[in-house]
Amino acid sequence: MIEDIGKQIHQLRMNKGMSLSELADRAEVAKSYISNVERGLQSNPSIQFLEKVASALDVTIHSLLYGNLNADEQLLDPDWQLLLKEAMSSGISKTQFKEFLEFQKWKKNNETAE
């Protein structure tokens, strides 16, 4: 994890041309709290805070915590992230999800063969 999460948040916010108020509105967190994190006054933000800020900055939590991703790592499209979160929150297991994907592949292959 990066030494100063606040500096990383500040840098990402600046790179996006986003004001402190805009980030606070998008993340639905207090502007004063973001300011305290950025200035290092609050050095241990919650995972919920990090999730909200990462989403508002359109980055992954991993890149928020660890900096830039390696060139071979790809960001997942936000719509796919939402779909995966919905699947997870619905209680679907990884096995069920894999079975669904395999069924879709089978279905697609059989449709093109006809």
PDB file of N, CA and C in Angstrom:
ATOM      1  N   MET A   1       0.848  -1.180   0.000  1.00  0.00           N
ATOM      2  CA  MET A   1       0.000   0.000   0.000  1.00  0.00           C
ATOM      3  C   MET A   1       0.888   1.236   0.000  1.00  0.00           C
ATOM      4  N   ILE A   2       0.440   2.269  -0.661  1.00  0.00           N
ATOM      5  CA  ILE A   2       1.263   3.470  -0.703  1.00  0.00           C
ATOM      6  C   ILE A   2       1.337   4.086   0.685  1.00  0.00           C
ATOM      7  N   GLU A   3       2.410   4.770   0.931  1.00  0.00           N
ATOM      8  CA  GLU A   3       2.647   5.362   2.246  1.00  0.00           C
ATOM      9  C   GLU A   3       1.606   6.418   2.585  1.00  0.00           C
ATOM     10  N   ASP A   4       1.243   7.233   1.620  1.00  0.00           N
ATOM     11  CA  ASP A   4       0.319   8.322   1.898  1.00  0.00           C
ATOM     12  C   ASP A   4      -0.844   8.293   0.915  1.00  0.00           C
ATOM     13  N   ILE A   5      -1.909   7.651   1.320  1.00  0.00           N
ATOM     14  CA  ILE A   5      -3.090   7.518   0.468  1.00  0.00           C
ATOM     15  C   ILE A   5      -3.646   8.897   0.101  1.00  0.00           C
ATOM     16  N   GLY A   6      -3.503   9.848   0.999  1.00  0.00           N
ATOM     17  CA  GLY A   6      -3.998  11.196   0.747  1.00  0.00           C
ATOM     18  C   GLY A   6      -3.335  11.846  -0.455  1.00  0.00           C
ATOM     19  N   LYS A   7      -2.030  11.676  -0.572  1.00  0.00           N
ATOM     20  CA  LYS A   7      -1.311  12.244  -1.716  1.00  0.00           C
ATOM     21  C   LYS A   7      -1.782  11.597  -3.015  1.00  0.00           C
ATOM     22  N   GLN A   8      -2.035  10.293  -2.961  1.00  0.00           N
ATOM     23  CA  GLN A   8      -2.506   9.581  -4.156  1.00  0.00           C
ATOM     24  C   GLN A   8      -3.891  10.086  -4.564  1.00  0.00           C
ATOM     25  N   ILE A   9      -4.785  10.252  -3.609  1.00  0.00           N
ATOM     26  CA  ILE A   9      -6.130  10.761  -3.902  1.00  0.00           C
ATOM     27  C   ILE A   9      -6.025  12.163  -4.485  1.00  0.00           C
ATOM     28  N   HIS A  10      -5.207  12.998  -3.863  1.00  0.00           N
ATOM     29  CA  HIS A  10      -5.031  14.370  -4.346  1.00  0.00           C
ATOM     30  C   HIS A  10      -4.506  14.383  -5.782  1.00  0.00           C
ATOM     31  N   GLN A  11      -3.503  13.554  -6.053  1.00  0.00           N
ATOM     32  CA  GLN A  11      -2.912  13.518  -7.395  1.00  0.00           C
ATOM     33  C   GLN A  11      -3.926  13.043  -8.427  1.00  0.00           C
ATOM     34  N   LEU A  12      -4.684  11.999  -8.106  1.00  0.00           N
ATOM     35  CA  LEU A  12      -5.700  11.507  -9.041  1.00  0.00           C
ATOM     36  C   LEU A  12      -6.781  12.560  -9.280  1.00  0.00           C
ATOM     37  N   ARG A  13      -7.170  13.241  -8.221  1.00  0.00           N
ATOM     38  CA  ARG A  13      -8.196  14.291  -8.334  1.00  0.00           C
ATOM     39  C   ARG A  13      -7.699  15.417  -9.231  1.00  0.00           C
ATOM     40  N   MET A  14      -6.445  15.828  -9.039  1.00  0.00           N
ATOM     41  CA  MET A  14      -5.867  16.894  -9.852  1.00  0.00           C
ATOM     42  C   MET A  14      -5.756  16.455 -11.312  1.00  0.00           C
ATOM     43  N   ASN A  15      -5.331  15.202 -11.531  1.00  0.00           N
ATOM     44  CA  ASN A  15      -5.203  14.673 -12.899  1.00  0.00           C
ATOM     45  C   ASN A  15      -6.540  14.687 -13.632  1.00  0.00           C
ATOM     46  N   LYS A  16      -7.625  14.523 -12.887  1.00  0.00           N
ATOM     47  CA  LYS A  16      -8.961  14.528 -13.491  1.00  0.00           C
ATOM     48  C   LYS A  16      -9.540  15.939 -13.579  1.00  0.00           C
ATOM     49  N   GLY A  17      -8.806  16.920 -13.052  1.00  0.00           N
ATOM     50  CA  GLY A  17      -9.300  18.297 -13.062  1.00  0.00           C
ATOM     51  C   GLY A  17     -10.525  18.472 -12.186  1.00  0.00           C
ATOM     52  N   MET A  18     -10.567  17.741 -11.107  1.00  0.00           N
ATOM     53  CA  MET A  18     -11.737  17.718 -10.237  1.00  0.00           C
ATOM     54  C   MET A  18     -11.467  18.524  -8.967  1.00  0.00           C
ATOM     55  N   SER A  19     -12.417  19.358  -8.589  1.00  0.00           N
ATOM     56  CA  SER A  19     -12.279  20.110  -7.343  1.00  0.00           C
ATOM     57  C   SER A  19     -12.593  19.192  -6.161  1.00  0.00           C
ATOM     58  N   LEU A  20     -12.201  19.636  -4.997  1.00  0.00           N
ATOM     59  CA  LEU A  20     -12.496  18.906  -3.769  1.00  0.00           C
ATOM     60  C   LEU A  20     -14.006  18.747  -3.594  1.00  0.00           C
ATOM     61  N   SER A  21     -14.735  19.812  -3.873  1.00  0.00           N
ATOM     62  CA  SER A  21     -16.199  19.771  -3.753  1.00  0.00           C
ATOM     63  C   SER A  21     -16.816  18.782  -4.730  1.00  0.00           C
ATOM     64  N   GLU A  22     -16.296  18.780  -5.954  1.00  0.00           N
ATOM     65  CA  GLU A  22     -16.832  17.866  -6.965  1.00  0.00           C
ATOM     66  C   GLU A  22     -16.591  16.414  -6.569  1.00  0.00           C
ATOM     67  N   LEU A  23     -15.394  16.108  -6.081  1.00  0.00           N
ATOM     68  CA  LEU A  23     -15.105  14.747  -5.634  1.00  0.00           C
ATOM     69  C   LEU A  23     -16.012  14.363  -4.471  1.00  0.00           C
ATOM     70  N   ALA A  24     -16.182  15.274  -3.532  1.00  0.00           N
ATOM     71  CA  ALA A  24     -17.043  15.002  -2.380  1.00  0.00           C
ATOM     72  C   ALA A  24     -18.475  14.713  -2.829  1.00  0.00           C
ATOM     73  N   ASP A  25     -18.976  15.498  -3.781  1.00  0.00           N
ATOM     74  CA  ASP A  25     -20.333  15.278  -4.298  1.00  0.00           C
ATOM     75  C   ASP A  25     -20.447  13.936  -5.005  1.00  0.00           C
ATOM     76  N   ARG A  26     -19.493  13.648  -5.870  1.00  0.00           N
ATOM     77  CA  ARG A  26     -19.541  12.392  -6.630  1.00  0.00           C
ATOM     78  C   ARG A  26     -19.392  11.172  -5.727  1.00  0.00           C
ATOM     79  N   ALA A  27     -18.545  11.280  -4.716  1.00  0.00           N
ATOM     80  CA  ALA A  27     -18.289  10.152  -3.818  1.00  0.00           C
ATOM     81  C   ALA A  27     -19.307  10.083  -2.676  1.00  0.00           C
ATOM     82  N   GLU A  28     -20.075  11.141  -2.522  1.00  0.00           N
ATOM     83  CA  GLU A  28     -21.065  11.235  -1.436  1.00  0.00           C
ATOM     84  C   GLU A  28     -20.409  11.067  -0.066  1.00  0.00           C
ATOM     85  N   VAL A  29     -19.303  11.814   0.096  1.00  0.00           N
ATOM     86  CA  VAL A  29     -18.606  11.880   1.382  1.00  0.00           C
ATOM     87  C   VAL A  29     -18.341  13.347   1.708  1.00  0.00           C
ATOM     88  N   ALA A  30     -18.056  13.614   2.952  1.00  0.00           N
ATOM     89  CA  ALA A  30     -17.833  14.993   3.386  1.00  0.00           C
ATOM     90  C   ALA A  30     -16.553  15.566   2.779  1.00  0.00           C
ATOM     91  N   LYS A  31     -16.676  16.774   2.264  1.00  0.00           N
ATOM     92  CA  LYS A  31     -15.529  17.471   1.682  1.00  0.00           C
ATOM     93  C   LYS A  31     -14.419  17.626   2.718  1.00  0.00           C
ATOM     94  N   SER A  32     -14.793  17.919   3.946  1.00  0.00           N
ATOM     95  CA  SER A  32     -13.794  18.109   5.009  1.00  0.00           C
ATOM     96  C   SER A  32     -13.027  16.816   5.279  1.00  0.00           C
ATOM     97  N   TYR A  33     -13.710  15.672   5.166  1.00  0.00           N
ATOM     98  CA  TYR A  33     -13.034  14.398   5.402  1.00  0.00           C
ATOM     99  C   TYR A  33     -12.029  14.117   4.290  1.00  0.00           C
ATOM    100  N   ILE A  34     -12.420  14.357   3.032  1.00  0.00           N
ATOM    101  CA  ILE A  34     -11.485  14.170   1.918  1.00  0.00           C
ATOM    102  C   ILE A  34     -10.287  15.089   2.105  1.00  0.00           C
ATOM    103  N   SER A  35     -10.548  16.328   2.478  1.00  0.00           N
ATOM    104  CA  SER A  35      -9.466  17.285   2.705  1.00  0.00           C
ATOM    105  C   SER A  35      -8.512  16.780   3.789  1.00  0.00           C
ATOM    106  N   ASN A  36      -9.083  16.250   4.872  1.00  0.00           N
ATOM    107  CA  ASN A  36      -8.252  15.719   5.961  1.00  0.00           C
ATOM    108  C   ASN A  36      -7.416  14.526   5.506  1.00  0.00           C
ATOM    109  N   VAL A  37      -7.982  13.677   4.670  1.00  0.00           N
ATOM    110  CA  VAL A  37      -7.235  12.528   4.146  1.00  0.00           C
ATOM    111  C   VAL A  37      -6.118  13.021   3.232  1.00  0.00           C
ATOM    112  N   GLU A  38      -6.457  13.936   2.325  1.00  0.00           N
ATOM    113  CA  GLU A  38      -5.444  14.457   1.393  1.00  0.00           C
ATOM    114  C   GLU A  38      -4.296  15.137   2.123  1.00  0.00           C
ATOM    115  N   ARG A  39      -4.589  15.832   3.211  1.00  0.00           N
ATOM    116  CA  ARG A  39      -3.542  16.551   3.948  1.00  0.00           C
ATOM    117  C   ARG A  39      -2.840  15.678   4.979  1.00  0.00           C
ATOM    118  N   GLY A  40      -3.231  14.401   5.055  1.00  0.00           N
ATOM    119  CA  GLY A  40      -2.572  13.479   5.972  1.00  0.00           C
ATOM    120  C   GLY A  40      -3.036  13.576   7.408  1.00  0.00           C
ATOM    121  N   LEU A  41      -4.101  14.335   7.661  1.00  0.00           N
ATOM    122  CA  LEU A  41      -4.624  14.449   9.020  1.00  0.00           C
ATOM    123  C   LEU A  41      -5.423  13.204   9.402  1.00  0.00           C
ATOM    124  N   GLN A  42      -5.970  12.547   8.397  1.00  0.00           N
ATOM    125  CA  GLN A  42      -6.680  11.283   8.582  1.00  0.00           C
ATOM    126  C   GLN A  42      -5.934  10.273   7.714  1.00  0.00           C
ATOM    127  N   SER A  43      -5.180   9.389   8.354  1.00  0.00           N
ATOM    128  CA  SER A  43      -4.304   8.505   7.587  1.00  0.00           C
ATOM    129  C   SER A  43      -4.818   7.080   7.460  1.00  0.00           C
ATOM    130  N   ASN A  44      -5.986   6.786   8.024  1.00  0.00           N
ATOM    131  CA  ASN A  44      -6.499   5.424   7.971  1.00  0.00           C
ATOM    132  C   ASN A  44      -7.971   5.421   7.562  1.00  0.00           C
ATOM    133  N   PRO A  45      -8.277   5.829   6.315  1.00  0.00           N
ATOM    134  CA  PRO A  45      -9.674   5.872   5.886  1.00  0.00           C
ATOM    135  C   PRO A  45     -10.258   4.465   5.749  1.00  0.00           C
ATOM    136  N   SER A  46     -11.561   4.372   5.904  1.00  0.00           N
ATOM    137  CA  SER A  46     -12.246   3.082   5.822  1.00  0.00           C
ATOM    138  C   SER A  46     -12.277   2.568   4.391  1.00  0.00           C
ATOM    139  N   ILE A  47     -12.503   1.281   4.251  1.00  0.00           N
ATOM    140  CA  ILE A  47     -12.614   0.685   2.920  1.00  0.00           C
ATOM    141  C   ILE A  47     -13.826   1.249   2.186  1.00  0.00           C
ATOM    142  N   GLN A  48     -14.903   1.554   2.913  1.00  0.00           N
ATOM    143  CA  GLN A  48     -16.088   2.143   2.287  1.00  0.00           C
ATOM    144  C   GLN A  48     -15.755   3.506   1.686  1.00  0.00           C
ATOM    145  N   PHE A  49     -14.988   4.295   2.408  1.00  0.00           N
ATOM    146  CA  PHE A  49     -14.549   5.596   1.897  1.00  0.00           C
ATOM    147  C   PHE A  49     -13.710   5.402   0.637  1.00  0.00           C
ATOM    148  N   LEU A  50     -12.765   4.480   0.698  1.00  0.00           N
ATOM    149  CA  LEU A  50     -11.885   4.234  -0.446  1.00  0.00           C
ATOM    150  C   LEU A  50     -12.674   3.752  -1.661  1.00  0.00           C
ATOM    151  N   GLU A  51     -13.674   2.895  -1.439  1.00  0.00           N
ATOM    152  CA  GLU A  51     -14.514   2.422  -2.543  1.00  0.00           C
ATOM    153  C   GLU A  51     -15.247   3.585  -3.202  1.00  0.00           C
ATOM    154  N   LYS A  52     -15.815   4.467  -2.382  1.00  0.00           N
ATOM    155  CA  LYS A  52     -16.563   5.608  -2.909  1.00  0.00           C
ATOM    156  C   LYS A  52     -15.655   6.559  -3.681  1.00  0.00           C
ATOM    157  N   VAL A  53     -14.490   6.838  -3.131  1.00  0.00           N
ATOM    158  CA  VAL A  53     -13.552   7.761  -3.778  1.00  0.00           C
ATOM    159  C   VAL A  53     -13.002   7.151  -5.062  1.00  0.00           C
ATOM    160  N   ALA A  54     -12.649   5.871  -5.017  1.00  0.00           N
ATOM    161  CA  ALA A  54     -12.139   5.202  -6.218  1.00  0.00           C
ATOM    162  C   ALA A  54     -13.189   5.225  -7.319  1.00  0.00           C
ATOM    163  N   SER A  55     -14.421   4.944  -6.970  1.00  0.00           N
ATOM    164  CA  SER A  55     -15.499   4.960  -7.960  1.00  0.00           C
ATOM    165  C   SER A  55     -15.683   6.360  -8.539  1.00  0.00           C
ATOM    166  N   ALA A  56     -15.672   7.369  -7.683  1.00  0.00           N
ATOM    167  CA  ALA A  56     -15.847   8.754  -8.138  1.00  0.00           C
ATOM    168  C   ALA A  56     -14.693   9.201  -9.028  1.00  0.00           C
ATOM    169  N   LEU A  57     -13.499   8.677  -8.773  1.00  0.00           N
ATOM    170  CA  LEU A  57     -12.325   9.014  -9.577  1.00  0.00           C
ATOM    171  C   LEU A  57     -12.185   8.096 -10.792  1.00  0.00           C
ATOM    172  N   ASP A  58     -13.082   7.116 -10.885  1.00  0.00           N
ATOM    173  CA  ASP A  58     -13.093   6.150 -11.992  1.00  0.00           C
ATOM    174  C   ASP A  58     -11.783   5.374 -12.072  1.00  0.00           C
ATOM    175  N   VAL A  59     -11.333   4.898 -10.900  1.00  0.00           N
ATOM    176  CA  VAL A  59     -10.150   4.042 -10.811  1.00  0.00           C
ATOM    177  C   VAL A  59     -10.499   2.855  -9.920  1.00  0.00           C
ATOM    178  N   THR A  60      -9.685   1.838  -9.965  1.00  0.00           N
ATOM    179  CA  THR A  60      -9.885   0.696  -9.073  1.00  0.00           C
ATOM    180  C   THR A  60      -9.311   1.030  -7.697  1.00  0.00           C
ATOM    181  N   ILE A  61      -9.777   0.318  -6.703  1.00  0.00           N
ATOM    182  CA  ILE A  61      -9.206   0.502  -5.364  1.00  0.00           C
ATOM    183  C   ILE A  61      -7.729   0.119  -5.394  1.00  0.00           C
ATOM    184  N   HIS A  62      -7.400  -0.918  -6.153  1.00  0.00           N
ATOM    185  CA  HIS A  62      -6.005  -1.347  -6.267  1.00  0.00           C
ATOM    186  C   HIS A  62      -5.124  -0.201  -6.758  1.00  0.00           C
ATOM    187  N   SER A  63      -5.554   0.473  -7.814  1.00  0.00           N
ATOM    188  CA  SER A  63      -4.726   1.568  -8.333  1.00  0.00           C
ATOM    189  C   SER A  63      -4.726   2.754  -7.377  1.00  0.00           C
ATOM    190  N   LEU A  64      -5.804   2.923  -6.619  1.00  0.00           N
ATOM    191  CA  LEU A  64      -5.851   3.990  -5.616  1.00  0.00           C
ATOM    192  C   LEU A  64      -4.840   3.707  -4.503  1.00  0.00           C
ATOM    193  N   LEU A  65      -4.760   2.447  -4.088  1.00  0.00           N
ATOM    194  CA  LEU A  65      -3.868   2.085  -2.989  1.00  0.00           C
ATOM    195  C   LEU A  65      -2.414   1.909  -3.424  1.00  0.00           C
ATOM    196  N   TYR A  66      -2.226   1.336  -4.609  1.00  0.00           N
ATOM    197  CA  TYR A  66      -0.882   0.947  -5.016  1.00  0.00           C
ATOM    198  C   TYR A  66      -0.306   1.765  -6.157  1.00  0.00           C
ATOM    199  N   GLY A  67      -1.052   2.746  -6.613  1.00  0.00           N
ATOM    200  CA  GLY A  67      -0.554   3.563  -7.708  1.00  0.00           C
ATOM    201  C   GLY A  67      -0.937   2.989  -9.046  1.00  0.00           C
ATOM    202  N   ASN A  68      -0.222   3.400 -10.074  1.00  0.00           N
ATOM    203  CA  ASN A  68      -0.531   2.988 -11.441  1.00  0.00           C
ATOM    204  C   ASN A  68      -0.433   1.481 -11.594  1.00  0.00           C
ATOM    205  N   LEU A  69      -1.304   0.956 -12.445  1.00  0.00           N
ATOM    206  CA  LEU A  69      -1.284  -0.464 -12.755  1.00  0.00           C
ATOM    207  C   LEU A  69      -0.153  -0.767 -13.715  1.00  0.00           C
ATOM    208  N   ASN A  70       0.317  -1.992 -13.691  1.00  0.00           N
ATOM    209  CA  ASN A  70       1.304  -2.434 -14.672  1.00  0.00           C
ATOM    210  C   ASN A  70       0.683  -2.368 -16.051  1.00  0.00           C
ATOM    211  N   ALA A  71       1.513  -2.299 -17.066  1.00  0.00           N
ATOM    212  CA  ALA A  71       1.015  -2.194 -18.444  1.00  0.00           C
ATOM    213  C   ALA A  71       0.150  -3.377 -18.832  1.00  0.00           C
ATOM    214  N   ASP A  72       0.425  -4.564 -18.262  1.00  0.00           N
ATOM    215  CA  ASP A  72      -0.350  -5.742 -18.650  1.00  0.00           C
ATOM    216  C   ASP A  72      -1.657  -5.874 -17.870  1.00  0.00           C
ATOM    217  N   GLU A  73      -1.869  -5.032 -16.878  1.00  0.00           N
ATOM    218  CA  GLU A  73      -3.125  -5.049 -16.134  1.00  0.00           C
ATOM    219  C   GLU A  73      -4.120  -4.139 -16.831  1.00  0.00           C
ATOM    220  N   GLN A  74      -5.349  -4.582 -16.914  1.00  0.00           N
ATOM    221  CA  GLN A  74      -6.376  -3.789 -17.561  1.00  0.00           C
ATOM    222  C   GLN A  74      -7.454  -3.435 -16.544  1.00  0.00           C
ATOM    223  N   LEU A  75      -7.974  -2.232 -16.684  1.00  0.00           N
ATOM    224  CA  LEU A  75      -9.097  -1.834 -15.850  1.00  0.00           C
ATOM    225  C   LEU A  75     -10.359  -2.458 -16.404  1.00  0.00           C
ATOM    226  N   LEU A  76     -11.223  -2.879 -15.524  1.00  0.00           N
ATOM    227  CA  LEU A  76     -12.491  -3.445 -15.927  1.00  0.00           C
ATOM    228  C   LEU A  76     -13.470  -2.310 -16.164  1.00  0.00           C
ATOM    229  N   ASP A  77     -14.162  -2.388 -17.270  1.00  0.00           N
ATOM    230  CA  ASP A  77     -15.176  -1.401 -17.621  1.00  0.00           C
ATOM    231  C   ASP A  77     -16.126  -1.205 -16.429  1.00  0.00           C
ATOM    232  N   PRO A  78     -16.500   0.043 -16.097  1.00  0.00           N
ATOM    233  CA  PRO A  78     -17.379   0.290 -14.950  1.00  0.00           C
ATOM    234  C   PRO A  78     -18.705  -0.472 -15.016  1.00  0.00           C
ATOM    235  N   ASP A  79     -19.252  -0.649 -16.230  1.00  0.00           N
ATOM    236  CA  ASP A  79     -20.499  -1.413 -16.350  1.00  0.00           C
ATOM    237  C   ASP A  79     -20.290  -2.872 -15.959  1.00  0.00           C
ATOM    238  N   TRP A  80     -19.145  -3.444 -16.355  1.00  0.00           N
ATOM    239  CA  TRP A  80     -18.841  -4.815 -15.963  1.00  0.00           C
ATOM    240  C   TRP A  80     -18.622  -4.912 -14.453  1.00  0.00           C
ATOM    241  N   GLN A  81     -17.968  -3.903 -13.885  1.00  0.00           N
ATOM    242  CA  GLN A  81     -17.775  -3.896 -12.431  1.00  0.00           C
ATOM    243  C   GLN A  81     -19.114  -3.919 -11.716  1.00  0.00           C
ATOM    244  N   LEU A  82     -20.048  -3.103 -12.202  1.00  0.00           N
ATOM    245  CA  LEU A  82     -21.377  -3.050 -11.608  1.00  0.00           C
ATOM    246  C   LEU A  82     -22.090  -4.392 -11.734  1.00  0.00           C
ATOM    247  N   LEU A  83     -22.013  -5.002 -12.905  1.00  0.00           N
ATOM    248  CA  LEU A  83     -22.644  -6.304 -13.109  1.00  0.00           C
ATOM    249  C   LEU A  83     -22.055  -7.361 -12.170  1.00  0.00           C
ATOM    250  N   LEU A  84     -20.738  -7.356 -12.029  1.00  0.00           N
ATOM    251  CA  LEU A  84     -20.108  -8.316 -11.131  1.00  0.00           C
ATOM    252  C   LEU A  84     -20.514  -8.079  -9.680  1.00  0.00           C
ATOM    253  N   LYS A  85     -20.583  -6.813  -9.280  1.00  0.00           N
ATOM    254  CA  LYS A  85     -21.011  -6.500  -7.919  1.00  0.00           C
ATOM    255  C   LYS A  85     -22.446  -6.954  -7.689  1.00  0.00           C
ATOM    256  N   GLU A  86     -23.311  -6.739  -8.692  1.00  0.00           N
ATOM    257  CA  GLU A  86     -24.704  -7.176  -8.582  1.00  0.00           C
ATOM    258  C   GLU A  86     -24.793  -8.690  -8.472  1.00  0.00           C
ATOM    259  N   ALA A  87     -23.996  -9.387  -9.272  1.00  0.00           N
ATOM    260  CA  ALA A  87     -23.990 -10.852  -9.211  1.00  0.00           C
ATOM    261  C   ALA A  87     -23.538 -11.324  -7.839  1.00  0.00           C
ATOM    262  N   MET A  88     -22.492 -10.702  -7.324  1.00  0.00           N
ATOM    263  CA  MET A  88     -21.978 -11.083  -6.012  1.00  0.00           C
ATOM    264  C   MET A  88     -22.995 -10.808  -4.916  1.00  0.00           C
ATOM    265  N   SER A  89     -23.635  -9.645  -4.979  1.00  0.00           N
ATOM    266  CA  SER A  89     -24.596  -9.293  -3.927  1.00  0.00           C
ATOM    267  C   SER A  89     -25.878 -10.118  -4.022  1.00  0.00           C
ATOM    268  N   SER A  90     -26.150 -10.691  -5.210  1.00  0.00           N
ATOM    269  CA  SER A  90     -27.348 -11.513  -5.360  1.00  0.00           C
ATOM    270  C   SER A  90     -27.170 -12.890  -4.735  1.00  0.00           C
ATOM    271  N   GLY A  91     -25.939 -13.225  -4.389  1.00  0.00           N
ATOM    272  CA  GLY A  91     -25.685 -14.506  -3.749  1.00  0.00           C
ATOM    273  C   GLY A  91     -25.238 -15.587  -4.706  1.00  0.00           C
ATOM    274  N   ILE A  92     -25.047 -15.247  -5.975  1.00  0.00           N
ATOM    275  CA  ILE A  92     -24.595 -16.248  -6.936  1.00  0.00           C
ATOM    276  C   ILE A  92     -23.161 -16.658  -6.591  1.00  0.00           C
ATOM    277  N   SER A  93     -22.905 -17.952  -6.650  1.00  0.00           N
ATOM    278  CA  SER A  93     -21.556 -18.433  -6.333  1.00  0.00           C
ATOM    279  C   SER A  93     -20.671 -18.344  -7.572  1.00  0.00           C
ATOM    280  N   LYS A  94     -19.385 -18.442  -7.360  1.00  0.00           N
ATOM    281  CA  LYS A  94     -18.447 -18.427  -8.479  1.00  0.00           C
ATOM    282  C   LYS A  94     -18.719 -19.616  -9.397  1.00  0.00           C
ATOM    283  N   THR A  95     -19.017 -20.750  -8.798  1.00  0.00           N
ATOM    284  CA  THR A  95     -19.313 -21.949  -9.590  1.00  0.00           C
ATOM    285  C   THR A  95     -20.547 -21.739 -10.450  1.00  0.00           C
ATOM    286  N   GLN A  96     -21.598 -21.165  -9.870  1.00  0.00           N
ATOM    287  CA  GLN A  96     -22.819 -20.897 -10.633  1.00  0.00           C
ATOM    288  C   GLN A  96     -22.541 -19.908 -11.773  1.00  0.00           C
ATOM    289  N   PHE A  97     -21.741 -18.900 -11.487  1.00  0.00           N
ATOM    290  CA  PHE A  97     -21.410 -17.906 -12.503  1.00  0.00           C
ATOM    291  C   PHE A  97     -20.623 -18.555 -13.643  1.00  0.00           C
ATOM    292  N   LYS A  98     -19.660 -19.412 -13.292  1.00  0.00           N
ATOM    293  CA  LYS A  98     -18.882 -20.117 -14.315  1.00  0.00           C
ATOM    294  C   LYS A  98     -19.786 -21.021 -15.147  1.00  0.00           C
ATOM    295  N   GLU A  99     -20.728 -21.709 -14.492  1.00  0.00           N
ATOM    296  CA  GLU A  99     -21.664 -22.571 -15.219  1.00  0.00           C
ATOM    297  C   GLU A  99     -22.519 -21.752 -16.180  1.00  0.00           C
ATOM    298  N   PHE A 100     -22.949 -20.593 -15.745  1.00  0.00           N
ATOM    299  CA  PHE A 100     -23.732 -19.708 -16.612  1.00  0.00           C
ATOM    300  C   PHE A 100     -22.919 -19.299 -17.839  1.00  0.00           C
ATOM    301  N   LEU A 101     -21.661 -18.930 -17.619  1.00  0.00           N
ATOM    302  CA  LEU A 101     -20.796 -18.541 -18.731  1.00  0.00           C
ATOM    303  C   LEU A 101     -20.591 -19.700 -19.706  1.00  0.00           C
ATOM    304  N   GLU A 102     -20.363 -20.881 -19.170  1.00  0.00           N
ATOM    305  CA  GLU A 102     -20.189 -22.054 -20.028  1.00  0.00           C
ATOM    306  C   GLU A 102     -21.453 -22.333 -20.825  1.00  0.00           C
ATOM    307  N   PHE A 103     -22.612 -22.179 -20.216  1.00  0.00           N
ATOM    308  CA  PHE A 103     -23.873 -22.370 -20.924  1.00  0.00           C
ATOM    309  C   PHE A 103     -24.017 -21.355 -22.051  1.00  0.00           C
ATOM    310  N   GLN A 104     -23.668 -20.105 -21.775  1.00  0.00           N
ATOM    311  CA  GLN A 104     -23.751 -19.067 -22.807  1.00  0.00           C
ATOM    312  C   GLN A 104     -22.826 -19.367 -23.970  1.00  0.00           C
ATOM    313  N   LYS A 105     -21.617 -19.852 -23.668  1.00  0.00           N
ATOM    314  CA  LYS A 105     -20.677 -20.230 -24.735  1.00  0.00           C
ATOM    315  C   LYS A 105     -21.261 -21.374 -25.563  1.00  0.00           C
ATOM    316  N   TRP A 106     -21.779 -22.383 -24.891  1.00  0.00           N
ATOM    317  CA  TRP A 106     -22.393 -23.523 -25.573  1.00  0.00           C
ATOM    318  C   TRP A 106     -23.553 -23.068 -26.457  1.00  0.00           C
ATOM    319  N   LYS A 107     -24.404 -22.223 -25.902  1.00  0.00           N
ATOM    320  CA  LYS A 107     -25.568 -21.721 -26.635  1.00  0.00           C
ATOM    321  C   LYS A 107     -25.126 -20.954 -27.895  1.00  0.00           C
ATOM    322  N   LYS A 108     -24.127 -20.104 -27.726  1.00  0.00           N
ATOM    323  CA  LYS A 108     -23.632 -19.316 -28.859  1.00  0.00           C
ATOM    324  C   LYS A 108     -23.048 -20.220 -29.944  1.00  0.00           C
ATOM    325  N   ASN A 109     -22.275 -21.215 -29.535  1.00  0.00           N
ATOM    326  CA  ASN A 109     -21.680 -22.147 -30.491  1.00  0.00           C
ATOM    327  C   ASN A 109     -22.740 -22.950 -31.243  1.00  0.00           C
ATOM    328  N   ASN A 110     -23.796 -23.327 -30.560  1.00  0.00           N
ATOM    329  CA  ASN A 110     -24.858 -24.108 -31.191  1.00  0.00           C
ATOM    330  C   ASN A 110     -25.710 -23.253 -32.111  1.00  0.00           C
ATOM    331  N   GLU A 111     -25.877 -21.974 -31.787  1.00  0.00           N
ATOM    332  CA  GLU A 111     -26.658 -21.083 -32.651  1.00  0.00           C
ATOM    333  C   GLU A 111     -25.932 -20.830 -33.962  1.00  0.00           C
ATOM    334  N   THR A 112     -24.604 -20.677 -33.926  1.00  0.00           N
ATOM    335  CA  THR A 112     -23.839 -20.398 -35.141  1.00  0.00           C
ATOM    336  C   THR A 112     -23.666 -21.646 -35.993  1.00  0.00           C
ATOM    337  N   ALA A 113     -23.793 -22.835 -35.358  1.00  0.00           N
ATOM    338  CA  ALA A 113     -23.632 -24.083 -36.097  1.00  0.00           C
ATOM    339  C   ALA A 113     -24.884 -24.412 -36.910  1.00  0.00           C
ATOM    340  N   GLU A 114     -26.003 -23.836 -36.562  1.00  0.00           N
ATOM    341  CA  GLU A 114     -27.268 -24.155 -37.253  1.00  0.00           C
ATOM    342  C   GLU A 114     -27.406 -23.462 -38.570  1.00  0.00           C
TER     343      GLU A 114
END
